[in-house]
Amino acid sequence: MADHIPATLHFENVSYAVNKRAILTGVSGSVAPGQLMAILGASGAGKSTFLDILARKDKRGRVDGKLYINGREIDDTSLYKRVVGFVDQEDTLMPTLTVYETVLYSAILRLPRDMSIDAKRFRTLETMNELGILGIKDSRIGESGKRSISGGEKRRVSIACELVTSPSVLFLDEPTSGEKSFRA
């Protein structure tokens, strides 16, 4: 993943209100390359909402504040979304595909067109190896309630689908959901 570009994320006075009711007010902070930031709080405290705002997901309320990548304010959402990756708390994977097919399709659809298919296959296998899911690459994702890969493995497949693109910033909403405590 040599083409990864390090980025510092800075957010300033982030606020969010729905129907004039404040959900978040004046949240500021920074995350430098290589750092991990955890958002902690009680259930219903607005953690996922805050993460959605940082990832520039559409919200129905009013969002205020500024976001900076490497010191530059980002107004263009499409440019911003090329720099960040986002893994939602719900895993939305095709149950009929194998783990390898799922991550490879993400690579094929999202990596540059001028990148060779062999390079995309290599990136897929490299990412799966990093996340410890190479051993289940030929297993079908499967459906909930039926015999398939575990919830933690599904979570890592979802993360692999984002990591394969080498985002500069990666947002993970509840990244340890479905993982056994040792692996989490």
N, C-alpha and C. Protein backbone atom coordinates (compact mmCIF):
# COMPACT_ATOMS: atom_id res chain seq x y z
N MET A 1 0.83 -1.18 0.00
CA MET A 1 0.00 0.00 0.00
C MET A 1 0.88 1.24 0.00
N ALA A 2 1.84 1.24 -0.88
CA ALA A 2 2.81 2.31 -0.95
C ALA A 2 2.22 3.64 -1.42
N ASP A 3 1.06 3.62 -2.07
CA ASP A 3 0.49 4.86 -2.59
C ASP A 3 -0.41 5.57 -1.58
N HIS A 4 -0.39 5.13 -0.33
CA HIS A 4 -1.17 5.77 0.72
C HIS A 4 -0.60 7.15 1.01
N ILE A 5 -1.47 8.15 1.11
CA ILE A 5 -1.05 9.52 1.39
C ILE A 5 -1.48 9.88 2.81
N PRO A 6 -0.52 10.13 3.73
CA PRO A 6 -0.88 10.49 5.10
C PRO A 6 -1.67 11.80 5.14
N ALA A 7 -2.61 11.88 6.08
CA ALA A 7 -3.42 13.09 6.19
C ALA A 7 -3.75 13.39 7.64
N THR A 8 -3.76 14.66 7.96
CA THR A 8 -4.22 15.12 9.26
C THR A 8 -5.63 15.65 9.09
N LEU A 9 -6.52 15.19 9.95
CA LEU A 9 -7.91 15.66 9.95
C LEU A 9 -8.07 16.60 11.12
N HIS A 10 -8.60 17.78 10.86
CA HIS A 10 -8.89 18.75 11.92
C HIS A 10 -10.34 19.18 11.75
N PHE A 11 -11.07 19.20 12.84
CA PHE A 11 -12.46 19.66 12.80
C PHE A 11 -12.63 20.73 13.87
N GLU A 12 -13.43 21.73 13.53
CA GLU A 12 -13.55 22.91 14.37
C GLU A 12 -15.01 23.29 14.55
N ASN A 13 -15.43 23.44 15.80
CA ASN A 13 -16.78 23.89 16.14
C ASN A 13 -17.89 23.13 15.41
N VAL A 14 -17.79 21.82 15.36
CA VAL A 14 -18.81 21.02 14.71
C VAL A 14 -20.07 21.01 15.57
N SER A 15 -21.17 21.38 14.97
CA SER A 15 -22.46 21.41 15.65
C SER A 15 -23.51 20.78 14.76
N TYR A 16 -24.54 20.23 15.39
CA TYR A 16 -25.62 19.60 14.64
C TYR A 16 -26.91 19.81 15.41
N ALA A 17 -27.93 20.27 14.70
CA ALA A 17 -29.25 20.48 15.31
C ALA A 17 -30.33 19.93 14.40
N VAL A 18 -31.36 19.39 15.01
CA VAL A 18 -32.54 18.91 14.28
C VAL A 18 -33.74 19.63 14.87
N ASN A 19 -34.50 20.30 14.01
CA ASN A 19 -35.67 21.08 14.47
C ASN A 19 -35.32 22.01 15.62
N LYS A 20 -34.22 22.72 15.47
CA LYS A 20 -33.72 23.69 16.46
C LYS A 20 -33.30 23.07 17.79
N ARG A 21 -33.23 21.75 17.85
CA ARG A 21 -32.76 21.05 19.05
C ARG A 21 -31.31 20.66 18.83
N ALA A 22 -30.42 21.14 19.69
CA ALA A 22 -28.98 20.86 19.56
C ALA A 22 -28.68 19.41 19.94
N ILE A 23 -28.02 18.72 19.03
CA ILE A 23 -27.58 17.35 19.28
C ILE A 23 -26.09 17.36 19.64
N LEU A 24 -25.31 18.13 18.87
CA LEU A 24 -23.88 18.33 19.12
C LEU A 24 -23.60 19.83 19.09
N THR A 25 -22.72 20.30 19.95
CA THR A 25 -22.35 21.72 19.92
C THR A 25 -20.86 21.91 20.14
N GLY A 26 -20.23 22.66 19.24
CA GLY A 26 -18.85 23.10 19.38
C GLY A 26 -17.80 22.03 19.58
N VAL A 27 -17.87 20.94 18.84
CA VAL A 27 -16.89 19.87 18.98
C VAL A 27 -15.70 20.16 18.08
N SER A 28 -14.49 20.16 18.65
CA SER A 28 -13.27 20.44 17.90
C SER A 28 -12.22 19.39 18.24
N GLY A 29 -11.30 19.16 17.30
CA GLY A 29 -10.23 18.22 17.55
C GLY A 29 -9.39 17.97 16.32
N SER A 30 -8.35 17.17 16.48
CA SER A 30 -7.45 16.82 15.38
C SER A 30 -7.00 15.37 15.52
N VAL A 31 -6.73 14.77 14.38
CA VAL A 31 -6.15 13.44 14.35
C VAL A 31 -5.03 13.47 13.32
N ALA A 32 -3.82 13.15 13.75
CA ALA A 32 -2.65 13.17 12.88
C ALA A 32 -2.45 11.80 12.23
N PRO A 33 -1.65 11.74 11.16
CA PRO A 33 -1.38 10.46 10.51
C PRO A 33 -0.84 9.44 11.51
N GLY A 34 -1.36 8.23 11.43
CA GLY A 34 -0.93 7.16 12.31
C GLY A 34 -1.62 7.15 13.66
N GLN A 35 -2.42 8.17 13.96
CA GLN A 35 -3.12 8.21 15.24
C GLN A 35 -4.49 7.55 15.13
N LEU A 36 -4.96 7.10 16.27
CA LEU A 36 -6.28 6.51 16.38
C LEU A 36 -7.09 7.41 17.31
N MET A 37 -8.30 7.74 16.89
CA MET A 37 -9.18 8.52 17.74
C MET A 37 -10.43 7.69 17.99
N ALA A 38 -10.80 7.55 19.24
CA ALA A 38 -12.02 6.83 19.60
C ALA A 38 -13.05 7.83 20.10
N ILE A 39 -14.29 7.63 19.69
CA ILE A 39 -15.39 8.47 20.15
C ILE A 39 -16.19 7.62 21.12
N LEU A 40 -16.19 8.01 22.37
CA LEU A 40 -16.82 7.23 23.42
C LEU A 40 -17.98 8.00 24.04
N GLY A 41 -18.98 7.28 24.46
CA GLY A 41 -20.11 7.91 25.13
C GLY A 41 -21.22 6.91 25.33
N ALA A 42 -22.20 7.34 26.10
CA ALA A 42 -23.35 6.48 26.39
C ALA A 42 -24.19 6.26 25.14
N SER A 43 -25.03 5.26 25.19
CA SER A 43 -25.95 4.98 24.09
C SER A 43 -26.83 6.21 23.86
N GLY A 44 -26.95 6.63 22.60
CA GLY A 44 -27.77 7.80 22.28
C GLY A 44 -27.07 9.13 22.46
N ALA A 45 -25.77 9.12 22.75
CA ALA A 45 -25.04 10.36 23.00
C ALA A 45 -24.67 11.11 21.73
N GLY A 46 -24.82 10.48 20.56
CA GLY A 46 -24.52 11.15 19.29
C GLY A 46 -23.21 10.73 18.66
N LYS A 47 -22.64 9.60 19.09
CA LYS A 47 -21.37 9.13 18.54
C LYS A 47 -21.46 8.86 17.04
N SER A 48 -22.45 8.07 16.64
CA SER A 48 -22.61 7.75 15.21
C SER A 48 -22.97 8.98 14.41
N THR A 49 -23.77 9.86 14.98
CA THR A 49 -24.13 11.11 14.31
C THR A 49 -22.87 11.94 14.06
N PHE A 50 -22.02 12.06 15.06
CA PHE A 50 -20.78 12.81 14.93
C PHE A 50 -19.89 12.19 13.85
N LEU A 51 -19.78 10.87 13.86
CA LEU A 51 -18.97 10.17 12.86
C LEU A 51 -19.54 10.40 11.46
N ASP A 52 -20.85 10.34 11.32
CA ASP A 52 -21.50 10.62 10.03
C ASP A 52 -21.18 12.03 9.54
N ILE A 53 -21.16 12.98 10.45
CA ILE A 53 -20.85 14.37 10.09
C ILE A 53 -19.40 14.48 9.62
N LEU A 54 -18.48 13.85 10.36
CA LEU A 54 -17.07 13.88 9.96
C LEU A 54 -16.86 13.21 8.61
N ALA A 55 -17.64 12.19 8.31
CA ALA A 55 -17.52 11.47 7.04
C ALA A 55 -18.35 12.12 5.93
N ARG A 56 -19.00 13.22 6.26
CA ARG A 56 -19.83 13.98 5.30
C ARG A 56 -20.99 13.16 4.75
N LYS A 57 -21.62 12.39 5.61
CA LYS A 57 -22.83 11.68 5.23
C LYS A 57 -23.99 12.68 5.29
N ASP A 58 -24.97 12.50 4.43
CA ASP A 58 -26.12 13.40 4.42
C ASP A 58 -26.90 13.28 5.72
N LYS A 59 -27.18 14.42 6.33
CA LYS A 59 -27.95 14.48 7.56
C LYS A 59 -29.16 15.38 7.32
N ARG A 60 -30.27 15.08 7.99
CA ARG A 60 -31.48 15.86 7.75
C ARG A 60 -31.52 17.16 8.54
N GLY A 61 -30.69 17.30 9.54
CA GLY A 61 -30.64 18.52 10.34
C GLY A 61 -29.64 19.52 9.79
N ARG A 62 -29.32 20.52 10.62
CA ARG A 62 -28.37 21.56 10.24
C ARG A 62 -26.99 21.24 10.82
N VAL A 63 -26.01 21.19 9.93
CA VAL A 63 -24.64 20.91 10.32
C VAL A 63 -23.82 22.18 10.17
N ASP A 64 -23.06 22.53 11.20
CA ASP A 64 -22.15 23.68 11.15
C ASP A 64 -20.76 23.23 11.56
N GLY A 65 -19.76 24.04 11.24
CA GLY A 65 -18.39 23.75 11.60
C GLY A 65 -17.53 23.60 10.36
N LYS A 66 -16.24 23.44 10.58
CA LYS A 66 -15.30 23.33 9.47
C LYS A 66 -14.47 22.06 9.60
N LEU A 67 -14.17 21.47 8.43
CA LEU A 67 -13.32 20.29 8.36
C LEU A 67 -12.10 20.63 7.52
N TYR A 68 -10.93 20.21 7.99
CA TYR A 68 -9.68 20.47 7.28
C TYR A 68 -8.93 19.15 7.08
N ILE A 69 -8.34 19.00 5.91
CA ILE A 69 -7.42 17.90 5.64
C ILE A 69 -6.07 18.54 5.33
N ASN A 70 -5.06 18.17 6.09
CA ASN A 70 -3.71 18.73 5.94
C ASN A 70 -3.73 20.26 5.90
N GLY A 71 -4.55 20.85 6.77
CA GLY A 71 -4.59 22.30 6.92
C GLY A 71 -5.44 23.04 5.90
N ARG A 72 -6.02 22.32 4.94
CA ARG A 72 -6.85 22.98 3.92
C ARG A 72 -8.31 22.64 4.16
N GLU A 73 -9.14 23.69 4.18
CA GLU A 73 -10.57 23.46 4.35
C GLU A 73 -11.12 22.76 3.12
N ILE A 74 -11.91 21.76 3.36
CA ILE A 74 -12.49 20.99 2.26
C ILE A 74 -13.96 21.35 2.11
N ASP A 75 -14.29 22.02 1.00
CA ASP A 75 -15.67 22.36 0.71
C ASP A 75 -16.28 21.37 -0.26
N ASP A 76 -15.46 20.76 -1.10
CA ASP A 76 -15.93 19.85 -2.14
C ASP A 76 -16.11 18.45 -1.55
N THR A 77 -17.36 18.02 -1.39
CA THR A 77 -17.65 16.72 -0.78
C THR A 77 -17.10 15.57 -1.61
N SER A 78 -17.16 15.66 -2.94
CA SER A 78 -16.66 14.55 -3.77
C SER A 78 -15.15 14.38 -3.61
N LEU A 79 -14.41 15.49 -3.49
CA LEU A 79 -12.97 15.42 -3.25
C LEU A 79 -12.70 14.81 -1.87
N TYR A 80 -13.44 15.25 -0.89
CA TYR A 80 -13.28 14.76 0.47
C TYR A 80 -13.51 13.25 0.54
N LYS A 81 -14.54 12.78 -0.16
CA LYS A 81 -14.88 11.35 -0.12
C LYS A 81 -13.85 10.48 -0.83
N ARG A 82 -12.99 11.09 -1.66
CA ARG A 82 -11.91 10.32 -2.28
C ARG A 82 -10.76 10.13 -1.30
N VAL A 83 -10.71 10.93 -0.25
CA VAL A 83 -9.63 10.88 0.73
C VAL A 83 -10.00 10.01 1.93
N VAL A 84 -11.30 9.90 2.21
CA VAL A 84 -11.74 9.17 3.39
C VAL A 84 -12.46 7.87 3.03
N GLY A 85 -12.43 6.93 3.95
CA GLY A 85 -13.20 5.71 3.85
C GLY A 85 -14.15 5.65 5.04
N PHE A 86 -15.27 4.99 4.87
CA PHE A 86 -16.26 4.92 5.94
C PHE A 86 -16.86 3.52 5.98
N VAL A 87 -16.86 2.92 7.17
CA VAL A 87 -17.49 1.62 7.36
C VAL A 87 -18.62 1.81 8.36
N ASP A 88 -19.84 1.63 7.88
CA ASP A 88 -21.03 1.82 8.71
C ASP A 88 -21.13 0.71 9.75
N GLN A 89 -21.99 0.91 10.75
CA GLN A 89 -22.14 -0.14 11.78
C GLN A 89 -22.85 -1.38 11.26
N GLU A 90 -23.62 -1.23 10.20
CA GLU A 90 -24.29 -2.39 9.61
C GLU A 90 -23.48 -2.91 8.43
N ASP A 91 -23.19 -4.20 8.42
CA ASP A 91 -22.45 -4.80 7.31
C ASP A 91 -23.44 -5.09 6.18
N THR A 92 -23.25 -4.45 5.04
CA THR A 92 -24.12 -4.67 3.88
C THR A 92 -23.30 -5.38 2.80
N LEU A 93 -23.28 -6.69 2.88
CA LEU A 93 -22.49 -7.51 1.98
C LEU A 93 -23.40 -8.46 1.21
N MET A 94 -23.02 -8.79 -0.01
CA MET A 94 -23.79 -9.74 -0.82
C MET A 94 -23.55 -11.16 -0.28
N PRO A 95 -24.60 -11.84 0.18
CA PRO A 95 -24.41 -13.15 0.80
C PRO A 95 -23.94 -14.24 -0.16
N THR A 96 -24.16 -14.06 -1.45
CA THR A 96 -23.80 -15.11 -2.43
C THR A 96 -22.34 -15.03 -2.88
N LEU A 97 -21.66 -13.93 -2.59
CA LEU A 97 -20.27 -13.78 -3.00
C LEU A 97 -19.32 -14.37 -1.97
N THR A 98 -18.13 -14.74 -2.42
CA THR A 98 -17.10 -15.18 -1.48
C THR A 98 -16.44 -13.93 -0.89
N VAL A 99 -15.66 -14.14 0.14
CA VAL A 99 -14.93 -13.04 0.78
C VAL A 99 -14.00 -12.38 -0.25
N TYR A 100 -13.27 -13.18 -1.00
CA TYR A 100 -12.35 -12.65 -2.01
C TYR A 100 -13.09 -11.85 -3.08
N GLU A 101 -14.19 -12.39 -3.59
CA GLU A 101 -14.96 -11.69 -4.62
C GLU A 101 -15.47 -10.34 -4.10
N THR A 102 -15.91 -10.32 -2.87
CA THR A 102 -16.44 -9.09 -2.28
C THR A 102 -15.38 -7.99 -2.24
N VAL A 103 -14.21 -8.31 -1.74
CA VAL A 103 -13.14 -7.32 -1.63
C VAL A 103 -12.59 -6.96 -3.01
N LEU A 104 -12.45 -7.96 -3.88
CA LEU A 104 -11.95 -7.71 -5.24
C LEU A 104 -12.90 -6.79 -6.01
N TYR A 105 -14.21 -7.01 -5.91
CA TYR A 105 -15.16 -6.15 -6.61
C TYR A 105 -15.07 -4.72 -6.11
N SER A 106 -14.86 -4.55 -4.82
CA SER A 106 -14.68 -3.20 -4.28
C SER A 106 -13.43 -2.56 -4.90
N ALA A 107 -12.36 -3.34 -5.00
CA ALA A 107 -11.11 -2.83 -5.60
C ALA A 107 -11.32 -2.48 -7.08
N ILE A 108 -11.98 -3.36 -7.81
CA ILE A 108 -12.19 -3.12 -9.25
C ILE A 108 -13.04 -1.87 -9.48
N LEU A 109 -14.08 -1.72 -8.69
CA LEU A 109 -15.00 -0.59 -8.88
C LEU A 109 -14.46 0.74 -8.37
N ARG A 110 -13.56 0.70 -7.40
CA ARG A 110 -13.18 1.95 -6.73
C ARG A 110 -11.75 2.41 -6.94
N LEU A 111 -10.87 1.51 -7.36
CA LEU A 111 -9.48 1.92 -7.63
C LEU A 111 -9.40 2.51 -9.04
N PRO A 112 -8.36 3.29 -9.31
CA PRO A 112 -8.26 3.95 -10.63
C PRO A 112 -8.34 2.97 -11.80
N ARG A 113 -8.97 3.42 -12.87
CA ARG A 113 -9.13 2.58 -14.07
C ARG A 113 -7.79 2.20 -14.69
N ASP A 114 -6.80 3.09 -14.56
CA ASP A 114 -5.51 2.79 -15.17
C ASP A 114 -4.66 1.81 -14.35
N MET A 115 -5.15 1.41 -13.20
CA MET A 115 -4.46 0.40 -12.39
C MET A 115 -4.80 -0.97 -12.97
N SER A 116 -3.80 -1.81 -13.18
CA SER A 116 -4.03 -3.11 -13.81
C SER A 116 -4.87 -4.02 -12.91
N ILE A 117 -5.53 -4.97 -13.53
CA ILE A 117 -6.33 -5.94 -12.77
C ILE A 117 -5.44 -6.78 -11.87
N ASP A 118 -4.22 -7.07 -12.32
CA ASP A 118 -3.29 -7.84 -11.48
C ASP A 118 -2.91 -7.04 -10.23
N ALA A 119 -2.70 -5.74 -10.38
CA ALA A 119 -2.39 -4.88 -9.24
C ALA A 119 -3.58 -4.84 -8.27
N LYS A 120 -4.78 -4.80 -8.81
CA LYS A 120 -5.98 -4.80 -7.96
C LYS A 120 -6.13 -6.12 -7.23
N ARG A 121 -5.82 -7.23 -7.90
CA ARG A 121 -5.87 -8.54 -7.24
C ARG A 121 -4.83 -8.62 -6.12
N PHE A 122 -3.62 -8.11 -6.40
CA PHE A 122 -2.58 -8.10 -5.38
C PHE A 122 -3.00 -7.27 -4.18
N ARG A 123 -3.54 -6.07 -4.44
CA ARG A 123 -4.00 -5.19 -3.35
C ARG A 123 -5.08 -5.88 -2.53
N THR A 124 -5.97 -6.60 -3.20
CA THR A 124 -7.05 -7.32 -2.51
C THR A 124 -6.47 -8.37 -1.56
N LEU A 125 -5.56 -9.19 -2.06
CA LEU A 125 -4.96 -10.24 -1.23
C LEU A 125 -4.13 -9.64 -0.09
N GLU A 126 -3.41 -8.57 -0.38
CA GLU A 126 -2.60 -7.89 0.64
C GLU A 126 -3.49 -7.36 1.77
N THR A 127 -4.60 -6.75 1.41
CA THR A 127 -5.52 -6.19 2.41
C THR A 127 -6.15 -7.30 3.23
N MET A 128 -6.56 -8.37 2.57
CA MET A 128 -7.17 -9.50 3.28
C MET A 128 -6.17 -10.13 4.25
N ASN A 129 -4.93 -10.21 3.84
CA ASN A 129 -3.89 -10.76 4.71
C ASN A 129 -3.71 -9.89 5.95
N GLU A 130 -3.68 -8.57 5.75
CA GLU A 130 -3.51 -7.64 6.88
C GLU A 130 -4.63 -7.78 7.90
N LEU A 131 -5.83 -8.10 7.44
CA LEU A 131 -6.98 -8.20 8.34
C LEU A 131 -7.25 -9.62 8.82
N GLY A 132 -6.38 -10.56 8.45
CA GLY A 132 -6.52 -11.93 8.93
C GLY A 132 -7.70 -12.69 8.35
N ILE A 133 -8.11 -12.34 7.13
CA ILE A 133 -9.24 -13.04 6.51
C ILE A 133 -8.83 -13.79 5.24
N LEU A 134 -7.54 -13.90 5.00
CA LEU A 134 -7.06 -14.61 3.83
C LEU A 134 -7.44 -16.10 3.89
N GLY A 135 -7.46 -16.65 5.08
CA GLY A 135 -7.79 -18.07 5.26
C GLY A 135 -9.25 -18.41 4.93
N ILE A 136 -10.11 -17.40 4.86
CA ILE A 136 -11.53 -17.66 4.55
C ILE A 136 -11.90 -17.06 3.20
N LYS A 137 -10.91 -16.78 2.36
CA LYS A 137 -11.15 -16.06 1.10
C LYS A 137 -12.13 -16.75 0.17
N ASP A 138 -12.22 -18.08 0.23
CA ASP A 138 -13.13 -18.81 -0.65
C ASP A 138 -14.47 -19.13 0.01
N SER A 139 -14.68 -18.64 1.22
CA SER A 139 -15.95 -18.86 1.93
C SER A 139 -16.98 -17.84 1.47
N ARG A 140 -18.21 -18.29 1.35
CA ARG A 140 -19.30 -17.37 1.01
C ARG A 140 -19.63 -16.49 2.22
N ILE A 141 -20.01 -15.25 1.94
CA ILE A 141 -20.39 -14.33 3.01
C ILE A 141 -21.57 -14.93 3.78
N GLY A 142 -22.59 -15.41 3.07
CA GLY A 142 -23.74 -16.05 3.71
C GLY A 142 -24.70 -15.05 4.33
N GLU A 143 -25.81 -15.56 4.78
CA GLU A 143 -26.85 -14.73 5.37
C GLU A 143 -26.90 -14.93 6.87
N SER A 144 -27.40 -13.92 7.57
CA SER A 144 -27.55 -14.02 9.03
C SER A 144 -28.49 -15.17 9.36
N GLY A 145 -28.15 -15.91 10.37
CA GLY A 145 -29.00 -17.03 10.80
C GLY A 145 -28.69 -18.33 10.09
N LYS A 146 -27.96 -18.28 8.99
CA LYS A 146 -27.56 -19.49 8.27
C LYS A 146 -26.06 -19.67 8.42
N ARG A 147 -25.59 -20.87 8.25
CA ARG A 147 -24.17 -21.15 8.39
C ARG A 147 -23.37 -20.32 7.39
N SER A 148 -22.48 -19.52 7.90
CA SER A 148 -21.64 -18.67 7.04
C SER A 148 -20.44 -18.22 7.85
N ILE A 149 -19.75 -17.22 7.36
CA ILE A 149 -18.62 -16.70 8.13
C ILE A 149 -19.17 -16.00 9.38
N SER A 150 -18.33 -15.82 10.37
CA SER A 150 -18.78 -15.24 11.64
C SER A 150 -19.06 -13.74 11.50
N GLY A 151 -19.72 -13.19 12.50
CA GLY A 151 -20.00 -11.76 12.51
C GLY A 151 -18.74 -10.92 12.51
N GLY A 152 -17.73 -11.36 13.25
CA GLY A 152 -16.45 -10.65 13.28
C GLY A 152 -15.75 -10.70 11.94
N GLU A 153 -15.84 -11.85 11.27
CA GLU A 153 -15.23 -11.98 9.94
C GLU A 153 -15.96 -11.08 8.94
N LYS A 154 -17.29 -11.01 9.04
CA LYS A 154 -18.05 -10.11 8.17
C LYS A 154 -17.62 -8.66 8.39
N ARG A 155 -17.39 -8.32 9.65
CA ARG A 155 -16.96 -6.95 9.98
C ARG A 155 -15.62 -6.66 9.31
N ARG A 156 -14.69 -7.61 9.38
CA ARG A 156 -13.38 -7.41 8.77
C ARG A 156 -13.45 -7.37 7.25
N VAL A 157 -14.41 -8.08 6.65
CA VAL A 157 -14.61 -8.00 5.20
C VAL A 157 -15.09 -6.59 4.83
N SER A 158 -16.02 -6.05 5.60
CA SER A 158 -16.49 -4.68 5.35
C SER A 158 -15.35 -3.67 5.46
N ILE A 159 -14.50 -3.86 6.45
CA ILE A 159 -13.35 -2.98 6.63
C ILE A 159 -12.38 -3.15 5.46
N ALA A 160 -12.17 -4.38 5.00
CA ALA A 160 -11.28 -4.64 3.86
C ALA A 160 -11.78 -3.94 2.60
N CYS A 161 -13.09 -3.89 2.41
CA CYS A 161 -13.66 -3.23 1.23
C CYS A 161 -13.32 -1.74 1.20
N GLU A 162 -13.10 -1.13 2.34
CA GLU A 162 -12.67 0.28 2.41
C GLU A 162 -11.15 0.38 2.37
N LEU A 163 -10.47 -0.47 3.14
CA LEU A 163 -9.00 -0.39 3.20
C LEU A 163 -8.33 -0.67 1.87
N VAL A 164 -8.96 -1.45 1.01
CA VAL A 164 -8.37 -1.81 -0.28
C VAL A 164 -8.11 -0.56 -1.13
N THR A 165 -8.81 0.52 -0.86
CA THR A 165 -8.63 1.76 -1.63
C THR A 165 -7.55 2.67 -1.02
N SER A 166 -6.94 2.27 0.08
CA SER A 166 -5.92 3.04 0.78
C SER A 166 -6.38 4.45 1.15
N PRO A 167 -7.48 4.56 1.90
CA PRO A 167 -7.93 5.91 2.28
C PRO A 167 -6.93 6.58 3.22
N SER A 168 -6.85 7.89 3.13
CA SER A 168 -5.97 8.63 4.04
C SER A 168 -6.54 8.69 5.44
N VAL A 169 -7.87 8.71 5.54
CA VAL A 169 -8.58 8.72 6.82
C VAL A 169 -9.65 7.64 6.74
N LEU A 170 -9.74 6.82 7.77
CA LEU A 170 -10.75 5.76 7.78
C LEU A 170 -11.63 5.92 9.00
N PHE A 171 -12.94 6.04 8.76
CA PHE A 171 -13.93 6.13 9.82
C PHE A 171 -14.57 4.76 9.99
N LEU A 172 -14.59 4.26 11.23
CA LEU A 172 -15.18 2.96 11.52
C LEU A 172 -16.24 3.15 12.60
N ASP A 173 -17.48 2.88 12.27
CA ASP A 173 -18.57 2.99 13.25
C ASP A 173 -18.75 1.61 13.88
N GLU A 174 -18.46 1.52 15.17
CA GLU A 174 -18.51 0.27 15.93
C GLU A 174 -17.65 -0.81 15.28
N PRO A 175 -16.34 -0.57 15.19
CA PRO A 175 -15.45 -1.50 14.48
C PRO A 175 -15.31 -2.88 15.10
N THR A 176 -15.62 -3.02 16.38
CA THR A 176 -15.43 -4.33 17.02
C THR A 176 -16.73 -5.11 17.15
N SER A 177 -17.81 -4.63 16.55
CA SER A 177 -19.08 -5.37 16.59
C SER A 177 -18.90 -6.74 15.98
N GLY A 178 -19.37 -7.75 16.67
CA GLY A 178 -19.29 -9.11 16.16
C GLY A 178 -17.98 -9.81 16.45
N GLU A 179 -16.99 -9.09 16.93
CA GLU A 179 -15.69 -9.70 17.23
C GLU A 179 -15.68 -10.28 18.62
N LYS A 180 -14.97 -11.38 18.79
CA LYS A 180 -14.76 -11.93 20.13
C LYS A 180 -13.84 -10.96 20.86
N SER A 181 -13.93 -10.91 22.17
CA SER A 181 -13.19 -9.92 22.95
C SER A 181 -11.67 -10.01 22.71
N PHE A 182 -11.12 -11.20 22.52
CA PHE A 182 -9.69 -11.34 22.27
C PHE A 182 -9.29 -10.61 21.00
N ARG A 183 -10.03 -10.82 19.91
CA ARG A 183 -9.68 -10.23 18.62
C ARG A 183 -9.99 -8.73 18.58
N ALA A 184 -11.05 -8.32 19.27
CA ALA A 184 -11.43 -6.91 19.29
C ALA A 184 -10.31 -6.09 19.89
